[in-house]
Amino acid sequence: MRIATWNVNGIRAAARKGMGDEVARVSPDALLLQEVRATPDKIPPEWREPADWHAFWHPAERPGYAGTGLLAGRHIDRVDEESRGAGEDDPEGRVIAARVGPVRLVSVYLPSGSSGEHRQAEKDRWLGFFLDWSAVFARSRVPTILGGDFNIAHQHRDLYYAKSNEKNSGFLPHERAWFGELLGQGWSDLIREKYGEVEGPYSWWSNRGQARALDRGWRIDYLLANRAASRLVDDCHIDRQSGLGVSDHAMVVADLAV
């Protein structure tokens, strides 16, 4: 089973820019989406009820904002939507989970705190209850993958300009410590475990300057596996090409022996 997670930075714009071609090229069996930024009635028809996918959506109440989705190939016999939200009221559509065959998949879009103190406070609130919620799944015997945009670079090697961002949201000391606590529950950061102690690979690039062309980005999109899922992972990678034209984020992809 190939699983991909992708912050599409608005599914309507992504569809116009060639989202379908990129998904076809990567060919995932399950696709976790973030920042959909549309209610289901506004999603392009080919994605709202796609012929080759089971599709679940968790939109934000605010139009054109946030929202998550989860798609699974029609060839997968058992697909059951499990939950929306992380055990909390979730008006911004930040979490959706489903059982896809033998695997539980969770699409996650944690808040950004970069627009001001009020948003950082909301982000910190989310970090608190998400940590409690995720602990249950970390211990689960059901293979579980958390995939999505966590809006946190965990280590200095996860962003190009680490030193100059130490006081910015996404790389604040308490956010990085929180990510360490999350991993401490038993989650494996699949990309870091594969690539080891290297700079990058990055999954998001600013639209300013030549950040994308020069590959000066952040790694804030993750696939995290609990112990039951980690045993099934054959390979993983960040698909940089999908972050060059369709979205400012790249797909993160993992292959499971399922």
C-alpha atoms as a PDB file:
ATOM      1  CA  MET A   1       0.000   0.000   0.000  1.00  0.00           C
ATOM      2  CA  ARG A   2       1.387   3.384  -1.003  1.00  0.00           C
ATOM      3  CA  ILE A   3       0.348   6.262   1.265  1.00  0.00           C
ATOM      4  CA  ALA A   4       0.934   9.918   0.399  1.00  0.00           C
ATOM      5  CA  THR A   5       0.238  13.069   2.377  1.00  0.00           C
ATOM      6  CA  TRP A   6       0.003  16.447   0.674  1.00  0.00           C
ATOM      7  CA  ASN A   7      -0.835  19.997   1.697  1.00  0.00           C
ATOM      8  CA  VAL A   8      -2.359  21.148  -1.591  1.00  0.00           C
ATOM      9  CA  ASN A   9      -2.644  24.847  -0.638  1.00  0.00           C
ATOM     10  CA  GLY A  10      -6.227  24.983  -1.913  1.00  0.00           C
ATOM     11  CA  ILE A  11      -7.678  22.068  -3.847  1.00  0.00           C
ATOM     12  CA  ARG A  12      -9.409  24.254  -6.445  1.00  0.00           C
ATOM     13  CA  ALA A  13      -6.169  26.001  -7.386  1.00  0.00           C
ATOM     14  CA  ALA A  14      -4.237  22.719  -7.190  1.00  0.00           C
ATOM     15  CA  ALA A  15      -6.693  21.045  -9.566  1.00  0.00           C
ATOM     16  CA  ARG A  16      -6.136  23.824 -12.115  1.00  0.00           C
ATOM     17  CA  LYS A  17      -2.356  23.487 -11.775  1.00  0.00           C
ATOM     18  CA  GLY A  18      -2.199  19.772 -12.503  1.00  0.00           C
ATOM     19  CA  MET A  19      -2.918  18.025  -9.200  1.00  0.00           C
ATOM     20  CA  GLY A  20      -4.423  15.081 -11.049  1.00  0.00           C
ATOM     21  CA  ASP A  21      -1.278  14.527 -13.103  1.00  0.00           C
ATOM     22  CA  GLU A  22       0.937  14.590  -9.997  1.00  0.00           C
ATOM     23  CA  VAL A  23      -1.283  12.157  -8.100  1.00  0.00           C
ATOM     24  CA  ALA A  24      -1.345   9.840 -11.113  1.00  0.00           C
ATOM     25  CA  ARG A  25       2.445   9.977 -11.365  1.00  0.00           C
ATOM     26  CA  VAL A  26       2.994   9.154  -7.669  1.00  0.00           C
ATOM     27  CA  SER A  27       0.110   6.644  -7.761  1.00  0.00           C
ATOM     28  CA  PRO A  28      -0.824   6.352  -4.069  1.00  0.00           C
ATOM     29  CA  ASP A  29      -3.404   3.874  -2.810  1.00  0.00           C
ATOM     30  CA  ALA A  30      -4.409   6.372  -0.110  1.00  0.00           C
ATOM     31  CA  LEU A  31      -4.023  10.143  -0.171  1.00  0.00           C
ATOM     32  CA  LEU A  32      -4.159  12.398   2.895  1.00  0.00           C
ATOM     33  CA  LEU A  33      -4.869  16.041   2.051  1.00  0.00           C
ATOM     34  CA  GLN A  34      -4.480  19.239   4.044  1.00  0.00           C
ATOM     35  CA  GLU A  35      -5.401  22.873   3.446  1.00  0.00           C
ATOM     36  CA  VAL A  36      -8.215  21.856   1.128  1.00  0.00           C
ATOM     37  CA  ARG A  37      -9.806  25.296   1.643  1.00  0.00           C
ATOM     38  CA  ALA A  38     -13.212  24.350   0.257  1.00  0.00           C
ATOM     39  CA  THR A  39     -16.470  22.835   1.414  1.00  0.00           C
ATOM     40  CA  PRO A  40     -17.393  19.613  -0.424  1.00  0.00           C
ATOM     41  CA  ASP A  41     -19.885  21.417  -2.684  1.00  0.00           C
ATOM     42  CA  LYS A  42     -17.081  23.732  -3.853  1.00  0.00           C
ATOM     43  CA  ILE A  43     -14.502  20.995  -4.468  1.00  0.00           C
ATOM     44  CA  PRO A  44     -13.971  20.259  -8.183  1.00  0.00           C
ATOM     45  CA  PRO A  45     -16.264  17.348  -9.145  1.00  0.00           C
ATOM     46  CA  GLU A  46     -13.382  15.108 -10.183  1.00  0.00           C
ATOM     47  CA  TRP A  47     -12.129  15.251  -6.579  1.00  0.00           C
ATOM     48  CA  ARG A  48     -15.388  15.639  -4.655  1.00  0.00           C
ATOM     49  CA  GLU A  49     -16.662  12.225  -5.757  1.00  0.00           C
ATOM     50  CA  PRO A  50     -13.812  10.770  -7.810  1.00  0.00           C
ATOM     51  CA  ALA A  51     -14.517   7.654  -9.820  1.00  0.00           C
ATOM     52  CA  ASP A  52     -11.467   5.766  -8.566  1.00  0.00           C
ATOM     53  CA  TRP A  53     -11.515   6.777  -4.892  1.00  0.00           C
ATOM     54  CA  HIS A  54     -13.486   6.643  -1.666  1.00  0.00           C
ATOM     55  CA  ALA A  55     -13.439  10.285  -0.519  1.00  0.00           C
ATOM     56  CA  PHE A  56     -13.999  11.784   2.952  1.00  0.00           C
ATOM     57  CA  TRP A  57     -13.857  15.511   3.716  1.00  0.00           C
ATOM     58  CA  HIS A  58     -13.638  17.577   6.883  1.00  0.00           C
ATOM     59  CA  PRO A  59     -13.987  21.211   5.824  1.00  0.00           C
ATOM     60  CA  ALA A  60     -13.524  24.275   7.976  1.00  0.00           C
ATOM     61  CA  GLU A  61     -16.617  26.282   8.851  1.00  0.00           C
ATOM     62  CA  ARG A  62     -14.875  29.410   7.552  1.00  0.00           C
ATOM     63  CA  PRO A  63     -15.052  29.477   3.729  1.00  0.00           C
ATOM     64  CA  GLY A  64     -11.767  29.105   1.869  1.00  0.00           C
ATOM     65  CA  TYR A  65      -9.796  28.110   4.955  1.00  0.00           C
ATOM     66  CA  ALA A  66      -7.935  25.030   6.263  1.00  0.00           C
ATOM     67  CA  GLY A  67      -9.782  21.689   5.963  1.00  0.00           C
ATOM     68  CA  THR A  68      -8.598  18.111   5.507  1.00  0.00           C
ATOM     69  CA  GLY A  69      -9.474  15.180   3.288  1.00  0.00           C
ATOM     70  CA  LEU A  70      -8.765  11.479   2.977  1.00  0.00           C
ATOM     71  CA  LEU A  71      -9.029   9.440  -0.221  1.00  0.00           C
ATOM     72  CA  ALA A  72      -8.570   5.698  -0.650  1.00  0.00           C
ATOM     73  CA  GLY A  73      -8.534   3.660  -3.837  1.00  0.00           C
ATOM     74  CA  ARG A  74     -11.713   1.857  -4.827  1.00  0.00           C
ATOM     75  CA  HIS A  75      -9.800  -1.424  -4.992  1.00  0.00           C
ATOM     76  CA  ILE A  76      -9.461  -1.332  -1.183  1.00  0.00           C
ATOM     77  CA  ASP A  77     -12.414  -3.347   0.100  1.00  0.00           C
ATOM     78  CA  ARG A  78     -12.795  -1.875   3.581  1.00  0.00           C
ATOM     79  CA  VAL A  79     -12.767   1.880   4.126  1.00  0.00           C
ATOM     80  CA  ASP A  80     -14.518   3.229   7.233  1.00  0.00           C
ATOM     81  CA  GLU A  81     -14.420   6.869   8.312  1.00  0.00           C
ATOM     82  CA  GLU A  82     -13.537   6.893  12.008  1.00  0.00           C
ATOM     83  CA  SER A  83     -13.487  10.466  13.306  1.00  0.00           C
ATOM     84  CA  ARG A  84     -13.319  14.148  12.635  1.00  0.00           C
ATOM     85  CA  GLY A  85     -11.414  16.315  15.071  1.00  0.00           C
ATOM     86  CA  ALA A  86      -8.984  15.066  17.678  1.00  0.00           C
ATOM     87  CA  GLY A  87     -11.542  14.414  20.372  1.00  0.00           C
ATOM     88  CA  GLU A  88     -12.300  18.139  20.388  1.00  0.00           C
ATOM     89  CA  ASP A  89     -14.527  20.632  18.633  1.00  0.00           C
ATOM     90  CA  ASP A  90     -12.807  21.144  15.290  1.00  0.00           C
ATOM     91  CA  PRO A  91     -14.393  24.039  13.358  1.00  0.00           C
ATOM     92  CA  GLU A  92     -11.240  24.452  11.262  1.00  0.00           C
ATOM     93  CA  GLY A  93     -11.345  20.882   9.922  1.00  0.00           C
ATOM     94  CA  ARG A  94      -7.878  19.908  11.094  1.00  0.00           C
ATOM     95  CA  VAL A  95      -8.132  16.137  11.633  1.00  0.00           C
ATOM     96  CA  ILE A  96      -9.889  13.319   9.823  1.00  0.00           C
ATOM     97  CA  ALA A  97      -9.242   9.592  10.346  1.00  0.00           C
ATOM     98  CA  ALA A  98     -10.308   6.398   8.599  1.00  0.00           C
ATOM     99  CA  ARG A  99      -9.585   2.681   8.587  1.00  0.00           C
ATOM    100  CA  VAL A 100      -8.297   1.792   5.135  1.00  0.00           C
ATOM    101  CA  GLY A 101      -8.008  -1.958   4.872  1.00  0.00           C
ATOM    102  CA  PRO A 102      -5.950  -3.084   7.891  1.00  0.00           C
ATOM    103  CA  VAL A 103      -4.413   0.384   8.464  1.00  0.00           C
ATOM    104  CA  ARG A 104      -5.701   3.434  10.332  1.00  0.00           C
ATOM    105  CA  LEU A 105      -4.826   6.681   8.537  1.00  0.00           C
ATOM    106  CA  VAL A 106      -5.077  10.147  10.060  1.00  0.00           C
ATOM    107  CA  SER A 107      -4.821  13.347   8.003  1.00  0.00           C
ATOM    108  CA  VAL A 108      -3.488  16.140  10.231  1.00  0.00           C
ATOM    109  CA  TYR A 109      -3.234  19.891   9.645  1.00  0.00           C
ATOM    110  CA  LEU A 110      -2.028  21.584  12.813  1.00  0.00           C
ATOM    111  CA  PRO A 111      -2.428  25.374  13.053  1.00  0.00           C
ATOM    112  CA  SER A 112       0.227  27.860  12.067  1.00  0.00           C
ATOM    113  CA  GLY A 113       1.097  30.522  14.630  1.00  0.00           C
ATOM    114  CA  SER A 114       2.888  32.820  12.212  1.00  0.00           C
ATOM    115  CA  SER A 115       0.104  35.393  11.809  1.00  0.00           C
ATOM    116  CA  GLY A 116       0.126  36.628  15.406  1.00  0.00           C
ATOM    117  CA  GLU A 117      -0.018  35.835  19.099  1.00  0.00           C
ATOM    118  CA  HIS A 118      -3.698  34.837  18.949  1.00  0.00           C
ATOM    119  CA  ARG A 119      -2.935  32.150  16.374  1.00  0.00           C
ATOM    120  CA  GLN A 120       0.102  30.936  18.295  1.00  0.00           C
ATOM    121  CA  ALA A 121      -2.148  30.579  21.344  1.00  0.00           C
ATOM    122  CA  GLU A 122      -4.595  28.517  19.281  1.00  0.00           C
ATOM    123  CA  LYS A 123      -1.730  26.401  17.974  1.00  0.00           C
ATOM    124  CA  ASP A 124      -0.468  25.768  21.491  1.00  0.00           C
ATOM    125  CA  ARG A 125      -3.978  24.766  22.587  1.00  0.00           C
ATOM    126  CA  TRP A 126      -4.106  22.237  19.756  1.00  0.00           C
ATOM    127  CA  LEU A 127      -0.693  20.853  20.612  1.00  0.00           C
ATOM    128  CA  GLY A 128      -1.890  20.139  24.129  1.00  0.00           C
ATOM    129  CA  PHE A 129      -4.954  18.082  23.340  1.00  0.00           C
ATOM    130  CA  PHE A 130      -3.497  16.484  20.210  1.00  0.00           C
ATOM    131  CA  LEU A 131      -0.695  15.012  22.308  1.00  0.00           C
ATOM    132  CA  ASP A 132      -3.221  13.341  24.610  1.00  0.00           C
ATOM    133  CA  TRP A 133      -5.320  12.110  21.683  1.00  0.00           C
ATOM    134  CA  SER A 134      -2.409  10.671  19.710  1.00  0.00           C
ATOM    135  CA  ALA A 135      -1.086   8.696  22.692  1.00  0.00           C
ATOM    136  CA  VAL A 136      -3.981   6.232  22.402  1.00  0.00           C
ATOM    137  CA  PHE A 137      -3.144   5.484  18.768  1.00  0.00           C
ATOM    138  CA  ALA A 138       0.564   5.235  19.460  1.00  0.00           C
ATOM    139  CA  ARG A 139      -0.167   2.267  21.724  1.00  0.00           C
ATOM    140  CA  SER A 140      -2.725   0.702  19.387  1.00  0.00           C
ATOM    141  CA  ARG A 141      -2.174  -2.717  17.867  1.00  0.00           C
ATOM    142  CA  VAL A 142      -3.805  -1.377  14.697  1.00  0.00           C
ATOM    143  CA  PRO A 143      -1.107  -0.106  12.314  1.00  0.00           C
ATOM    144  CA  THR A 144      -1.600   3.666  12.379  1.00  0.00           C
ATOM    145  CA  ILE A 145      -0.095   6.455  10.276  1.00  0.00           C
ATOM    146  CA  LEU A 146      -0.354  10.143  11.168  1.00  0.00           C
ATOM    147  CA  GLY A 147       0.251  12.107   7.980  1.00  0.00           C
ATOM    148  CA  GLY A 148       0.139  15.800   7.329  1.00  0.00           C
ATOM    149  CA  ASP A 149       1.362  19.318   7.854  1.00  0.00           C
ATOM    150  CA  PHE A 150       2.360  19.726  11.501  1.00  0.00           C
ATOM    151  CA  ASN A 151       3.679  23.280  10.986  1.00  0.00           C
ATOM    152  CA  ILE A 152       6.755  22.444  13.074  1.00  0.00           C
ATOM    153  CA  ALA A 153      10.316  21.741  12.000  1.00  0.00           C
ATOM    154  CA  HIS A 154      11.629  19.386  14.664  1.00  0.00           C
ATOM    155  CA  GLN A 155      15.403  19.782  14.411  1.00  0.00           C
ATOM    156  CA  HIS A 156      17.945  22.211  12.970  1.00  0.00           C
ATOM    157  CA  ARG A 157      18.459  19.885  10.033  1.00  0.00           C
ATOM    158  CA  ASP A 158      14.771  20.237   9.193  1.00  0.00           C
ATOM    159  CA  LEU A 159      15.037  23.791   7.884  1.00  0.00           C
ATOM    160  CA  TYR A 160      17.644  25.611   5.850  1.00  0.00           C
ATOM    161  CA  TYR A 161      17.798  28.839   7.869  1.00  0.00           C
ATOM    162  CA  ALA A 162      17.537  27.290  11.319  1.00  0.00           C
ATOM    163  CA  LYS A 163      19.450  29.845  13.378  1.00  0.00           C
ATOM    164  CA  SER A 164      17.519  32.849  12.089  1.00  0.00           C
ATOM    165  CA  ASN A 165      14.169  31.137  12.750  1.00  0.00           C
ATOM    166  CA  GLU A 166      14.684  30.149  16.386  1.00  0.00           C
ATOM    167  CA  LYS A 167      12.242  32.842  17.555  1.00  0.00           C
ATOM    168  CA  ASN A 168       9.658  32.221  14.842  1.00  0.00           C
ATOM    169  CA  SER A 169       6.545  30.078  14.993  1.00  0.00           C
ATOM    170  CA  GLY A 170       7.229  26.649  13.576  1.00  0.00           C
ATOM    171  CA  PHE A 171      10.656  26.446  15.207  1.00  0.00           C
ATOM    172  CA  LEU A 172      10.055  27.764  18.716  1.00  0.00           C
ATOM    173  CA  PRO A 173      11.777  25.807  21.507  1.00  0.00           C
ATOM    174  CA  HIS A 174       8.512  24.642  23.086  1.00  0.00           C
ATOM    175  CA  GLU A 175       7.168  23.484  19.695  1.00  0.00           C
ATOM    176  CA  ARG A 176      10.294  21.445  19.027  1.00  0.00           C
ATOM    177  CA  ALA A 177      10.101  19.984  22.540  1.00  0.00           C
ATOM    178  CA  TRP A 178       6.460  19.088  21.903  1.00  0.00           C
ATOM    179  CA  PHE A 179       7.436  17.228  18.738  1.00  0.00           C
ATOM    180  CA  GLY A 180      10.003  15.301  20.746  1.00  0.00           C
ATOM    181  CA  GLU A 181       7.269  14.337  23.221  1.00  0.00           C
ATOM    182  CA  LEU A 182       5.082  13.177  20.344  1.00  0.00           C
ATOM    183  CA  LEU A 183       7.829  10.911  19.017  1.00  0.00           C
ATOM    184  CA  GLY A 184       8.428   9.728  22.564  1.00  0.00           C
ATOM    185  CA  GLN A 185       4.954   8.186  22.595  1.00  0.00           C
ATOM    186  CA  GLY A 186       6.274   5.605  20.146  1.00  0.00           C
ATOM    187  CA  TRP A 187       5.829   7.294  16.760  1.00  0.00           C
ATOM    188  CA  SER A 188       8.524   6.867  14.115  1.00  0.00           C
ATOM    189  CA  ASP A 189       9.401   9.824  11.879  1.00  0.00           C
ATOM    190  CA  LEU A 190       9.739   7.761   8.710  1.00  0.00           C
ATOM    191  CA  ILE A 191      11.653  10.295   6.606  1.00  0.00           C
ATOM    192  CA  ARG A 192      14.197  11.116   9.304  1.00  0.00           C
ATOM    193  CA  GLU A 193      14.747   7.449  10.086  1.00  0.00           C
ATOM    194  CA  LYS A 194      15.445   6.758   6.420  1.00  0.00           C
ATOM    195  CA  TYR A 195      17.662   9.756   5.633  1.00  0.00           C
ATOM    196  CA  GLY A 196      19.502  10.012   8.954  1.00  0.00           C
ATOM    197  CA  GLU A 197      21.606  12.956  10.055  1.00  0.00           C
ATOM    198  CA  VAL A 198      21.500  14.969   6.830  1.00  0.00           C
ATOM    199  CA  GLU A 199      20.197  18.451   6.092  1.00  0.00           C
ATOM    200  CA  GLY A 200      16.637  18.120   4.843  1.00  0.00           C
ATOM    201  CA  PRO A 201      15.037  16.766   2.787  1.00  0.00           C
ATOM    202  CA  TYR A 202      12.535  19.635   2.840  1.00  0.00           C
ATOM    203  CA  SER A 203       8.805  19.526   2.160  1.00  0.00           C
ATOM    204  CA  TRP A 204       7.804  23.225   2.065  1.00  0.00           C
ATOM    205  CA  TRP A 205       9.368  26.261   0.439  1.00  0.00           C
ATOM    206  CA  SER A 206       8.593  29.957   0.690  1.00  0.00           C
ATOM    207  CA  ASN A 207       7.416  31.656  -2.479  1.00  0.00           C
ATOM    208  CA  ARG A 208       9.889  34.435  -1.781  1.00  0.00           C
ATOM    209  CA  GLY A 209      13.154  34.727  -3.651  1.00  0.00           C
ATOM    210  CA  GLN A 210      14.549  31.520  -5.076  1.00  0.00           C
ATOM    211  CA  ALA A 211      13.705  29.269  -2.112  1.00  0.00           C
ATOM    212  CA  ARG A 212      12.216  26.472  -4.201  1.00  0.00           C
ATOM    213  CA  ALA A 213      14.795  26.613  -6.978  1.00  0.00           C
ATOM    214  CA  LEU A 214      17.644  26.623  -4.439  1.00  0.00           C
ATOM    215  CA  ASP A 215      15.948  24.042  -2.182  1.00  0.00           C
ATOM    216  CA  ARG A 216      16.051  26.271   0.897  1.00  0.00           C
ATOM    217  CA  GLY A 217      12.996  25.055   2.739  1.00  0.00           C
ATOM    218  CA  TRP A 218      11.465  23.528   5.838  1.00  0.00           C
ATOM    219  CA  ARG A 219      10.448  19.960   6.641  1.00  0.00           C
ATOM    220  CA  ILE A 220       7.056  20.406   8.290  1.00  0.00           C
ATOM    221  CA  ASP A 221       5.105  17.634   6.521  1.00  0.00           C
ATOM    222  CA  TYR A 222       5.438  14.194   8.085  1.00  0.00           C
ATOM    223  CA  LEU A 223       4.417  10.579   7.981  1.00  0.00           C
ATOM    224  CA  LEU A 224       4.578   9.195  11.525  1.00  0.00           C
ATOM    225  CA  ALA A 225       4.031   5.487  12.172  1.00  0.00           C
ATOM    226  CA  ASN A 226       3.201   3.706  15.406  1.00  0.00           C
ATOM    227  CA  ARG A 227       5.116   0.542  16.233  1.00  0.00           C
ATOM    228  CA  ALA A 228       2.588  -1.721  14.513  1.00  0.00           C
ATOM    229  CA  ALA A 229       2.837   0.339  11.294  1.00  0.00           C
ATOM    230  CA  SER A 230       6.619   0.802  11.437  1.00  0.00           C
ATOM    231  CA  ARG A 231       7.119  -2.929  10.966  1.00  0.00           C
ATOM    232  CA  LEU A 232       5.266  -2.719   7.649  1.00  0.00           C
ATOM    233  CA  VAL A 233       7.222   0.167   6.075  1.00  0.00           C
ATOM    234  CA  ASP A 234       9.313  -0.784   3.049  1.00  0.00           C
ATOM    235  CA  ASP A 235      10.374   2.683   1.885  1.00  0.00           C
ATOM    236  CA  CYS A 236       9.552   6.387   2.018  1.00  0.00           C
ATOM    237  CA  HIS A 237      10.542   9.629   0.312  1.00  0.00           C
ATOM    238  CA  ILE A 238       9.613  13.268  -0.241  1.00  0.00           C
ATOM    239  CA  ASP A 239       8.418  13.841  -3.778  1.00  0.00           C
ATOM    240  CA  ARG A 240      10.003  17.230  -4.480  1.00  0.00           C
ATOM    241  CA  GLN A 241       8.484  17.541  -7.966  1.00  0.00           C
ATOM    242  CA  SER A 242       4.949  17.839  -6.559  1.00  0.00           C
ATOM    243  CA  GLY A 243       6.103  20.878  -4.579  1.00  0.00           C
ATOM    244  CA  LEU A 244       7.457  22.739  -7.591  1.00  0.00           C
ATOM    245  CA  GLY A 245       4.329  23.536  -9.582  1.00  0.00           C
ATOM    246  CA  VAL A 246       1.060  22.530  -7.941  1.00  0.00           C
ATOM    247  CA  SER A 247       1.608  23.480  -4.290  1.00  0.00           C
ATOM    248  CA  ASP A 248       4.271  25.062  -2.107  1.00  0.00           C
ATOM    249  CA  HIS A 249       4.364  21.709  -0.269  1.00  0.00           C
ATOM    250  CA  ALA A 250       5.653  18.402  -1.613  1.00  0.00           C
ATOM    251  CA  MET A 251       4.011  15.034  -1.153  1.00  0.00           C
ATOM    252  CA  VAL A 252       5.503  12.758   1.476  1.00  0.00           C
ATOM    253  CA  VAL A 253       5.186   9.129   0.424  1.00  0.00           C
ATOM    254  CA  ALA A 254       5.554   5.758   2.171  1.00  0.00           C
ATOM    255  CA  ASP A 255       5.199   2.197   0.900  1.00  0.00           C
ATOM    256  CA  LEU A 256       3.784  -0.376   3.314  1.00  0.00           C
ATOM    257  CA  ALA A 257       3.885  -4.142   2.940  1.00  0.00           C
ATOM    258  CA  VAL A 258       0.108  -4.491   3.133  1.00  0.00           C
END
